[in-house]
Amino acid sequence: MTDETHDTSPPVFESCPHCGHPLSPWEKVLLNVDRALMCKHCWYRIILDVHPPGTGEKSPRKEHRKEQSP
């Protein structure tokens, strides 16, 4: 029996999803930190979703701004 758990972490790319060119270890670190990276081989923009679809959660920053506005 397998226990299926939903992993909410974004996918880790080993290569560009567009052209398949392998990412260097440094590019993987940048993608993990910045959540966005431009492939140097095909100029495809790799963007990781910060908020996965369907979570329905609101940003705490926006709620904080609403409280401060008169």
PDB file of N, CA and C in Angstrom:
ATOM      1  N   MET A   1       0.839  -1.176   0.000  1.00  0.00           N
ATOM      2  CA  MET A   1       0.000   0.000   0.000  1.00  0.00           C
ATOM      3  C   MET A   1       0.885   1.241   0.000  1.00  0.00           C
ATOM      4  N   THR A   2       0.607   2.165  -0.883  1.00  0.00           N
ATOM      5  CA  THR A   2       1.417   3.380  -0.966  1.00  0.00           C
ATOM      6  C   THR A   2       0.646   4.542  -0.396  1.00  0.00           C
ATOM      7  N   ASP A   3       1.339   5.387   0.316  1.00  0.00           N
ATOM      8  CA  ASP A   3       0.743   6.584   0.895  1.00  0.00           C
ATOM      9  C   ASP A   3       1.071   7.752  -0.024  1.00  0.00           C
ATOM     10  N   GLU A   4       0.051   8.267  -0.719  1.00  0.00           N
ATOM     11  CA  GLU A   4       0.277   9.375  -1.651  1.00  0.00           C
ATOM     12  C   GLU A   4       0.217  10.697  -0.893  1.00  0.00           C
ATOM     13  N   THR A   5       1.309  11.429  -0.965  1.00  0.00           N
ATOM     14  CA  THR A   5       1.340  12.755  -0.361  1.00  0.00           C
ATOM     15  C   THR A   5       1.554  13.766  -1.468  1.00  0.00           C
ATOM     16  N   HIS A   6       0.909  14.881  -1.338  1.00  0.00           N
ATOM     17  CA  HIS A   6       1.038  15.921  -2.351  1.00  0.00           C
ATOM     18  C   HIS A   6       2.226  16.792  -2.004  1.00  0.00           C
ATOM     19  N   ASP A   7       3.183  16.836  -2.908  1.00  0.00           N
ATOM     20  CA  ASP A   7       4.381  17.655  -2.722  1.00  0.00           C
ATOM     21  C   ASP A   7       4.088  19.047  -3.261  1.00  0.00           C
ATOM     22  N   THR A   8       4.158  20.055  -2.389  1.00  0.00           N
ATOM     23  CA  THR A   8       3.853  21.423  -2.798  1.00  0.00           C
ATOM     24  C   THR A   8       5.081  22.177  -3.259  1.00  0.00           C
ATOM     25  N   SER A   9       6.258  21.535  -3.240  1.00  0.00           N
ATOM     26  CA  SER A   9       7.465  22.229  -3.686  1.00  0.00           C
ATOM     27  C   SER A   9       7.480  22.309  -5.210  1.00  0.00           C
ATOM     28  N   PRO A  10       8.031  23.395  -5.746  1.00  0.00           N
ATOM     29  CA  PRO A  10       8.076  23.528  -7.200  1.00  0.00           C
ATOM     30  C   PRO A  10       9.017  22.504  -7.814  1.00  0.00           C
ATOM     31  N   PRO A  11       8.837  22.209  -9.091  1.00  0.00           N
ATOM     32  CA  PRO A  11       9.702  21.209  -9.725  1.00  0.00           C
ATOM     33  C   PRO A  11      11.147  21.682  -9.799  1.00  0.00           C
ATOM     34  N   VAL A  12      12.058  20.732  -9.699  1.00  0.00           N
ATOM     35  CA  VAL A  12      13.483  21.038  -9.833  1.00  0.00           C
ATOM     36  C   VAL A  12      13.887  20.637 -11.241  1.00  0.00           C
ATOM     37  N   PHE A  13      14.404  21.583 -11.985  1.00  0.00           N
ATOM     38  CA  PHE A  13      14.790  21.324 -13.367  1.00  0.00           C
ATOM     39  C   PHE A  13      16.262  20.956 -13.436  1.00  0.00           C
ATOM     40  N   GLU A  14      16.556  19.887 -14.136  1.00  0.00           N
ATOM     41  CA  GLU A  14      17.930  19.479 -14.407  1.00  0.00           C
ATOM     42  C   GLU A  14      18.383  20.058 -15.745  1.00  0.00           C
ATOM     43  N   SER A  15      17.395  20.373 -16.602  1.00  0.00           N
ATOM     44  CA  SER A  15      17.690  20.926 -17.919  1.00  0.00           C
ATOM     45  C   SER A  15      16.565  21.873 -18.311  1.00  0.00           C
ATOM     46  N   CYS A  16      16.801  22.642 -19.343  1.00  0.00           N
ATOM     47  CA  CYS A  16      15.799  23.575 -19.844  1.00  0.00           C
ATOM     48  C   CYS A  16      14.592  22.785 -20.353  1.00  0.00           C
ATOM     49  N   PRO A  17      13.376  23.126 -19.898  1.00  0.00           N
ATOM     50  CA  PRO A  17      12.198  22.401 -20.378  1.00  0.00           C
ATOM     51  C   PRO A  17      11.890  22.666 -21.850  1.00  0.00           C
ATOM     52  N   HIS A  18      12.493  23.705 -22.435  1.00  0.00           N
ATOM     53  CA  HIS A  18      12.223  24.059 -23.826  1.00  0.00           C
ATOM     54  C   HIS A  18      13.174  23.356 -24.787  1.00  0.00           C
ATOM     55  N   CYS A  19      14.480  23.487 -24.532  1.00  0.00           N
ATOM     56  CA  CYS A  19      15.464  22.928 -25.479  1.00  0.00           C
ATOM     57  C   CYS A  19      16.199  21.705 -24.936  1.00  0.00           C
ATOM     58  N   GLY A  20      16.098  21.426 -23.641  1.00  0.00           N
ATOM     59  CA  GLY A  20      16.749  20.255 -23.062  1.00  0.00           C
ATOM     60  C   GLY A  20      18.205  20.445 -22.697  1.00  0.00           C
ATOM     61  N   HIS A  21      18.738  21.652 -22.881  1.00  0.00           N
ATOM     62  CA  HIS A  21      20.137  21.935 -22.533  1.00  0.00           C
ATOM     63  C   HIS A  21      20.299  21.813 -21.011  1.00  0.00           C
ATOM     64  N   PRO A  22      21.297  21.027 -20.540  1.00  0.00           N
ATOM     65  CA  PRO A  22      21.460  20.845 -19.093  1.00  0.00           C
ATOM     66  C   PRO A  22      21.813  22.152 -18.383  1.00  0.00           C
ATOM     67  N   LEU A  23      21.224  22.344 -17.204  1.00  0.00           N
ATOM     68  CA  LEU A  23      21.531  23.520 -16.395  1.00  0.00           C
ATOM     69  C   LEU A  23      22.777  23.243 -15.563  1.00  0.00           C
ATOM     70  N   SER A  24      23.617  24.250 -15.411  1.00  0.00           N
ATOM     71  CA  SER A  24      24.813  24.112 -14.585  1.00  0.00           C
ATOM     72  C   SER A  24      24.389  24.137 -13.115  1.00  0.00           C
ATOM     73  N   PRO A  25      25.248  23.660 -12.222  1.00  0.00           N
ATOM     74  CA  PRO A  25      24.913  23.727 -10.795  1.00  0.00           C
ATOM     75  C   PRO A  25      24.614  25.161 -10.335  1.00  0.00           C
ATOM     76  N   TRP A  26      25.323  26.130 -10.877  1.00  0.00           N
ATOM     77  CA  TRP A  26      25.097  27.524 -10.512  1.00  0.00           C
ATOM     78  C   TRP A  26      23.724  28.001 -10.994  1.00  0.00           C
ATOM     79  N   GLU A  27      23.330  27.603 -12.198  1.00  0.00           N
ATOM     80  CA  GLU A  27      22.013  27.981 -12.718  1.00  0.00           C
ATOM     81  C   GLU A  27      20.895  27.358 -11.881  1.00  0.00           C
ATOM     82  N   LYS A  28      21.114  26.134 -11.384  1.00  0.00           N
ATOM     83  CA  LYS A  28      20.122  25.492 -10.514  1.00  0.00           C
ATOM     84  C   LYS A  28      19.961  26.255  -9.213  1.00  0.00           C
ATOM     85  N   VAL A  29      21.075  26.743  -8.667  1.00  0.00           N
ATOM     86  CA  VAL A  29      21.008  27.541  -7.439  1.00  0.00           C
ATOM     87  C   VAL A  29      20.262  28.847  -7.696  1.00  0.00           C
ATOM     88  N   LEU A  30      20.575  29.515  -8.796  1.00  0.00           N
ATOM     89  CA  LEU A  30      19.890  30.762  -9.134  1.00  0.00           C
ATOM     90  C   LEU A  30      18.393  30.542  -9.323  1.00  0.00           C
ATOM     91  N   LEU A  31      18.025  29.457  -9.974  1.00  0.00           N
ATOM     92  CA  LEU A  31      16.615  29.156 -10.191  1.00  0.00           C
ATOM     93  C   LEU A  31      15.913  28.879  -8.869  1.00  0.00           C
ATOM     94  N   ASN A  32      16.593  28.209  -7.965  1.00  0.00           N
ATOM     95  CA  ASN A  32      16.019  27.913  -6.656  1.00  0.00           C
ATOM     96  C   ASN A  32      15.829  29.182  -5.828  1.00  0.00           C
ATOM     97  N   VAL A  33      16.743  30.135  -5.935  1.00  0.00           N
ATOM     98  CA  VAL A  33      16.684  31.356  -5.141  1.00  0.00           C
ATOM     99  C   VAL A  33      15.780  32.404  -5.790  1.00  0.00           C
ATOM    100  N   ASP A  34      16.004  32.689  -7.055  1.00  0.00           N
ATOM    101  CA  ASP A  34      15.274  33.754  -7.741  1.00  0.00           C
ATOM    102  C   ASP A  34      13.935  33.313  -8.311  1.00  0.00           C
ATOM    103  N   ARG A  35      13.710  31.998  -8.452  1.00  0.00           N
ATOM    104  CA  ARG A  35      12.491  31.427  -9.014  1.00  0.00           C
ATOM    105  C   ARG A  35      12.316  31.731 -10.493  1.00  0.00           C
ATOM    106  N   ALA A  36      13.334  32.314 -11.132  1.00  0.00           N
ATOM    107  CA  ALA A  36      13.279  32.605 -12.558  1.00  0.00           C
ATOM    108  C   ALA A  36      14.696  32.549 -13.119  1.00  0.00           C
ATOM    109  N   LEU A  37      14.795  32.093 -14.366  1.00  0.00           N
ATOM    110  CA  LEU A  37      16.095  31.968 -15.004  1.00  0.00           C
ATOM    111  C   LEU A  37      15.901  31.999 -16.511  1.00  0.00           C
ATOM    112  N   MET A  38      16.846  32.574 -17.217  1.00  0.00           N
ATOM    113  CA  MET A  38      16.827  32.611 -18.678  1.00  0.00           C
ATOM    114  C   MET A  38      17.842  31.580 -19.181  1.00  0.00           C
ATOM    115  N   CYS A  39      17.377  30.668 -20.018  1.00  0.00           N
ATOM    116  CA  CYS A  39      18.270  29.661 -20.599  1.00  0.00           C
ATOM    117  C   CYS A  39      19.261  30.368 -21.529  1.00  0.00           C
ATOM    118  N   LYS A  40      20.533  30.123 -21.320  1.00  0.00           N
ATOM    119  CA  LYS A  40      21.568  30.763 -22.140  1.00  0.00           C
ATOM    120  C   LYS A  40      21.662  30.128 -23.526  1.00  0.00           C
ATOM    121  N   HIS A  41      21.064  28.963 -23.691  1.00  0.00           N
ATOM    122  CA  HIS A  41      21.153  28.253 -24.965  1.00  0.00           C
ATOM    123  C   HIS A  41      20.054  28.686 -25.945  1.00  0.00           C
ATOM    124  N   CYS A  42      18.794  28.785 -25.455  1.00  0.00           N
ATOM    125  CA  CYS A  42      17.682  29.111 -26.359  1.00  0.00           C
ATOM    126  C   CYS A  42      16.929  30.377 -25.941  1.00  0.00           C
ATOM    127  N   TRP A  43      17.337  31.007 -24.849  1.00  0.00           N
ATOM    128  CA  TRP A  43      16.742  32.235 -24.333  1.00  0.00           C
ATOM    129  C   TRP A  43      15.301  32.045 -23.853  1.00  0.00           C
ATOM    130  N   TYR A  44      14.968  30.819 -23.458  1.00  0.00           N
ATOM    131  CA  TYR A  44      13.655  30.520 -22.895  1.00  0.00           C
ATOM    132  C   TYR A  44      13.643  30.954 -21.436  1.00  0.00           C
ATOM    133  N   ARG A  45      12.576  31.599 -21.008  1.00  0.00           N
ATOM    134  CA  ARG A  45      12.468  32.072 -19.629  1.00  0.00           C
ATOM    135  C   ARG A  45      11.808  30.990 -18.781  1.00  0.00           C
ATOM    136  N   ILE A  46      12.562  30.455 -17.812  1.00  0.00           N
ATOM    137  CA  ILE A  46      12.061  29.438 -16.885  1.00  0.00           C
ATOM    138  C   ILE A  46      11.608  30.167 -15.632  1.00  0.00           C
ATOM    139  N   ILE A  47      10.328  30.060 -15.308  1.00  0.00           N
ATOM    140  CA  ILE A  47       9.772  30.727 -14.133  1.00  0.00           C
ATOM    141  C   ILE A  47       9.063  29.689 -13.277  1.00  0.00           C
ATOM    142  N   LEU A  48       9.446  29.603 -12.006  1.00  0.00           N
ATOM    143  CA  LEU A  48       8.779  28.708 -11.073  1.00  0.00           C
ATOM    144  C   LEU A  48       7.638  29.460 -10.399  1.00  0.00           C
ATOM    145  N   ASP A  49       6.486  28.819 -10.287  1.00  0.00           N
ATOM    146  CA  ASP A  49       5.349  29.441  -9.619  1.00  0.00           C
ATOM    147  C   ASP A  49       5.646  29.606  -8.135  1.00  0.00           C
ATOM    148  N   VAL A  50       5.455  30.830  -7.648  1.00  0.00           N
ATOM    149  CA  VAL A  50       5.651  31.086  -6.230  1.00  0.00           C
ATOM    150  C   VAL A  50       4.462  30.541  -5.448  1.00  0.00           C
ATOM    151  N   HIS A  51       3.262  30.762  -5.967  1.00  0.00           N
ATOM    152  CA  HIS A  51       2.045  30.261  -5.343  1.00  0.00           C
ATOM    153  C   HIS A  51       1.419  29.239  -6.286  1.00  0.00           C
ATOM    154  N   PRO A  52       1.424  27.964  -5.907  1.00  0.00           N
ATOM    155  CA  PRO A  52       0.833  26.970  -6.785  1.00  0.00           C
ATOM    156  C   PRO A  52      -0.651  27.232  -6.991  1.00  0.00           C
ATOM    157  N   PRO A  53      -1.194  26.908  -8.153  1.00  0.00           N
ATOM    158  CA  PRO A  53      -2.608  27.153  -8.409  1.00  0.00           C
ATOM    159  C   PRO A  53      -3.486  26.331  -7.476  1.00  0.00           C
ATOM    160  N   GLY A  54      -4.598  26.943  -7.069  1.00  0.00           N
ATOM    161  CA  GLY A  54      -5.554  26.239  -6.238  1.00  0.00           C
ATOM    162  C   GLY A  54      -5.342  26.387  -4.745  1.00  0.00           C
ATOM    163  N   THR A  55      -4.326  27.115  -4.316  1.00  0.00           N
ATOM    164  CA  THR A  55      -4.118  27.257  -2.876  1.00  0.00           C
ATOM    165  C   THR A  55      -5.119  28.223  -2.273  1.00  0.00           C
ATOM    166  N   GLY A  56      -5.479  29.268  -3.020  1.00  0.00           N
ATOM    167  CA  GLY A  56      -6.477  30.209  -2.553  1.00  0.00           C
ATOM    168  C   GLY A  56      -6.009  31.090  -1.410  1.00  0.00           C
ATOM    169  N   GLU A  57      -4.741  31.038  -1.096  1.00  0.00           N
ATOM    170  CA  GLU A  57      -4.229  31.857   0.001  1.00  0.00           C
ATOM    171  C   GLU A  57      -3.908  33.256  -0.498  1.00  0.00           C
ATOM    172  N   LYS A  58      -4.210  34.238   0.350  1.00  0.00           N
ATOM    173  CA  LYS A  58      -3.890  35.618   0.002  1.00  0.00           C
ATOM    174  C   LYS A  58      -2.540  35.990   0.593  1.00  0.00           C
ATOM    175  N   SER A  59      -1.893  36.908  -0.049  1.00  0.00           N
ATOM    176  CA  SER A  59      -0.592  37.364   0.420  1.00  0.00           C
ATOM    177  C   SER A  59      -0.748  38.166   1.699  1.00  0.00           C
ATOM    178  N   PRO A  60       0.049  37.877   2.731  1.00  0.00           N
ATOM    179  CA  PRO A  60      -0.047  38.652   3.960  1.00  0.00           C
ATOM    180  C   PRO A  60       0.360  40.113   3.771  1.00  0.00           C
ATOM    181  N   ARG A  61       1.211  40.386   2.779  1.00  0.00           N
ATOM    182  CA  ARG A  61       1.613  41.771   2.518  1.00  0.00           C
ATOM    183  C   ARG A  61       0.422  42.589   2.053  1.00  0.00           C
ATOM    184  N   LYS A  62      -0.404  42.036   1.185  1.00  0.00           N
ATOM    185  CA  LYS A  62      -1.559  42.765   0.683  1.00  0.00           C
ATOM    186  C   LYS A  62      -2.563  43.023   1.802  1.00  0.00           C
ATOM    187  N   GLU A  63      -2.756  42.044   2.673  1.00  0.00           N
ATOM    188  CA  GLU A  63      -3.675  42.225   3.797  1.00  0.00           C
ATOM    189  C   GLU A  63      -3.153  43.327   4.728  1.00  0.00           C
ATOM    190  N   HIS A  64      -1.849  43.369   4.915  1.00  0.00           N
ATOM    191  CA  HIS A  64      -1.246  44.385   5.772  1.00  0.00           C
ATOM    192  C   HIS A  64      -1.453  45.777   5.174  1.00  0.00           C
ATOM    193  N   ARG A  65      -1.338  45.898   3.878  1.00  0.00           N
ATOM    194  CA  ARG A  65      -1.535  47.189   3.202  1.00  0.00           C
ATOM    195  C   ARG A  65      -2.971  47.672   3.352  1.00  0.00           C
ATOM    196  N   LYS A  66      -3.919  46.753   3.283  1.00  0.00           N
ATOM    197  CA  LYS A  66      -5.333  47.134   3.415  1.00  0.00           C
ATOM    198  C   LYS A  66      -5.620  47.693   4.810  1.00  0.00           C
ATOM    199  N   GLU A  67      -4.970  47.138   5.812  1.00  0.00           N
ATOM    200  CA  GLU A  67      -5.181  47.598   7.188  1.00  0.00           C
ATOM    201  C   GLU A  67      -4.627  48.998   7.397  1.00  0.00           C
ATOM    202  N   GLN A  68      -3.561  49.351   6.704  1.00  0.00           N
ATOM    203  CA  GLN A  68      -2.932  50.656   6.885  1.00  0.00           C
ATOM    204  C   GLN A  68      -3.630  51.761   6.114  1.00  0.00           C
ATOM    205  N   SER A  69      -4.325  51.444   5.038  1.00  0.00           N
ATOM    206  CA  SER A  69      -4.937  52.494   4.234  1.00  0.00           C
ATOM    207  C   SER A  69      -6.125  53.117   4.961  1.00  0.00           C
ATOM    208  N   PRO A  70      -6.281  54.456   4.882  1.00  0.00           N
ATOM    209  CA  PRO A  70      -7.373  55.127   5.621  1.00  0.00           C
ATOM    210  C   PRO A  70      -8.715  54.900   4.999  1.00  0.00           C
TER     211      PRO A  70
END
